Protein backbone atom coordinates (compact mmCIF):
# COMPACT_ATOMS: atom_id res chain seq x y z
CA UNK A 1 0.02 -0.06 0.00
CA UNK A 2 1.21 3.42 -0.78
CA UNK A 3 0.41 6.57 1.19
CA UNK A 4 0.06 9.99 -0.58
CA UNK A 5 -0.01 12.91 1.98
CA UNK A 6 -2.46 15.68 1.40
CA UNK A 7 -1.75 19.36 1.66
CA UNK A 8 0.99 20.23 4.06
CA UNK A 9 1.46 16.88 5.47
CA UNK A 10 4.51 14.59 5.22
CA UNK A 11 5.10 10.86 6.03
CA UNK A 12 8.09 10.09 8.16
CA UNK A 13 9.99 7.02 9.20
CA UNK A 14 11.80 7.45 12.51
CA UNK A 15 15.46 6.86 12.46
CA UNK A 16 17.03 4.80 15.36
CA UNK A 17 19.04 6.62 17.87
CA UNK A 18 22.23 5.58 19.49
CA UNK A 19 21.49 2.90 22.25
CA UNK A 20 24.78 3.44 24.08
CA UNK A 21 25.41 6.24 26.59
CA UNK A 22 28.55 8.36 26.48
CA UNK A 23 29.98 6.22 29.32
CA UNK A 24 29.47 3.04 27.25
CA UNK A 25 26.37 1.85 28.98
CA UNK A 26 23.85 0.02 26.63
CA UNK A 27 20.28 1.57 27.00
CA UNK A 28 17.51 -1.02 26.83
CA UNK A 29 14.61 -0.34 24.51
CA UNK A 30 12.28 -0.06 27.41
CA UNK A 31 14.21 2.98 28.87
CA UNK A 32 15.02 4.62 25.61
CA UNK A 33 13.06 7.67 24.40
CA UNK A 34 11.38 7.72 20.95
CA UNK A 35 13.70 9.16 18.32
CA UNK A 36 13.15 12.74 17.23
CA UNK A 37 14.93 12.17 13.88
CA UNK A 38 13.34 10.75 10.89
CA UNK A 39 13.45 10.43 7.18
CA UNK A 40 10.76 11.95 4.83
CA UNK A 41 9.15 9.08 2.89
CA UNK A 42 6.67 11.31 1.10
CA UNK A 43 5.49 14.98 1.05
CA UNK A 44 2.15 16.56 0.12
CA UNK A 45 1.92 19.23 -2.64
CA UNK A 46 1.72 22.12 -0.22
CA UNK A 47 -0.74 24.34 1.66
CA UNK A 48 -3.24 26.62 0.00
CA UNK A 49 -2.52 30.29 1.19
CA UNK A 50 -5.00 33.13 1.58
CA UNK A 51 -4.73 34.00 -2.16
CA UNK A 52 -5.79 30.56 -3.13
CA UNK A 53 -2.29 29.58 -4.39
CA UNK A 54 -0.49 26.52 -3.20
CA UNK A 55 2.72 27.11 -1.41
CA UNK A 56 5.02 24.12 -1.86
CA UNK A 57 6.68 22.50 1.11
CA UNK A 58 10.32 23.25 2.20
CA UNK A 59 10.95 19.48 2.67
CA UNK A 60 10.86 16.60 0.13
CA UNK A 61 11.10 12.92 0.21
CA UNK A 62 14.53 11.62 1.21
CA UNK A 63 15.21 14.61 3.62
CA UNK A 64 16.48 13.75 7.16
CA UNK A 65 14.54 15.91 9.71
CA UNK A 66 14.25 16.78 13.37
CA UNK A 67 10.79 16.95 14.95
CA UNK A 68 9.29 17.22 18.44
CA UNK A 69 8.90 14.07 20.66
CA UNK A 70 5.13 14.11 20.38
CA UNK A 71 4.79 15.41 16.86
CA UNK A 72 2.53 13.62 14.31
CA UNK A 73 0.16 10.69 14.38
CA UNK A 74 1.62 7.14 14.44
CA UNK A 75 0.33 4.69 11.84
CA UNK A 76 1.27 1.18 10.91
CA UNK A 77 1.20 0.35 7.22
CA UNK A 78 2.26 -3.11 5.92
CA UNK A 79 3.96 -3.78 9.40
CA UNK A 80 6.01 -0.58 9.25
CA UNK A 81 5.55 2.12 11.77
CA UNK A 82 5.40 5.65 10.22
CA UNK A 83 4.41 9.22 11.41
CA UNK A 84 2.06 11.48 9.59
CA UNK A 85 2.79 15.16 10.50
CA UNK A 86 2.30 18.67 9.35
CA UNK A 87 5.16 20.54 7.97
CA UNK A 88 4.94 22.99 10.81
CA UNK A 89 5.79 20.19 13.24
CA UNK A 90 9.27 19.84 11.67
CA UNK A 91 11.90 21.82 13.42
CA UNK A 92 14.88 21.35 11.13
CA UNK A 93 16.30 19.67 8.00
CA UNK A 94 19.73 17.88 8.68
CA UNK A 95 22.01 18.73 5.80
CA UNK A 96 25.26 17.04 4.87
């Protein structure tokens, strides 16, 4: 199944964070926080502004992003956990 986000929404797959502390202690899954980094899988066409024109999104499929811990709505598609969020929930694009 394919998802096509509408308007200013994006589909994001969380990227796993480091599971070892700076001191070398392995952090179990039960104690680890949800990652706040992800990869954009798909992006909508953009949001309609007050003049009726579509403003394209600043992110695109393939971008690695930072977002808030509680951003987006979790969905499970074909056994894969994804997030659907608005572009305004994205805090930054990681470049390089």
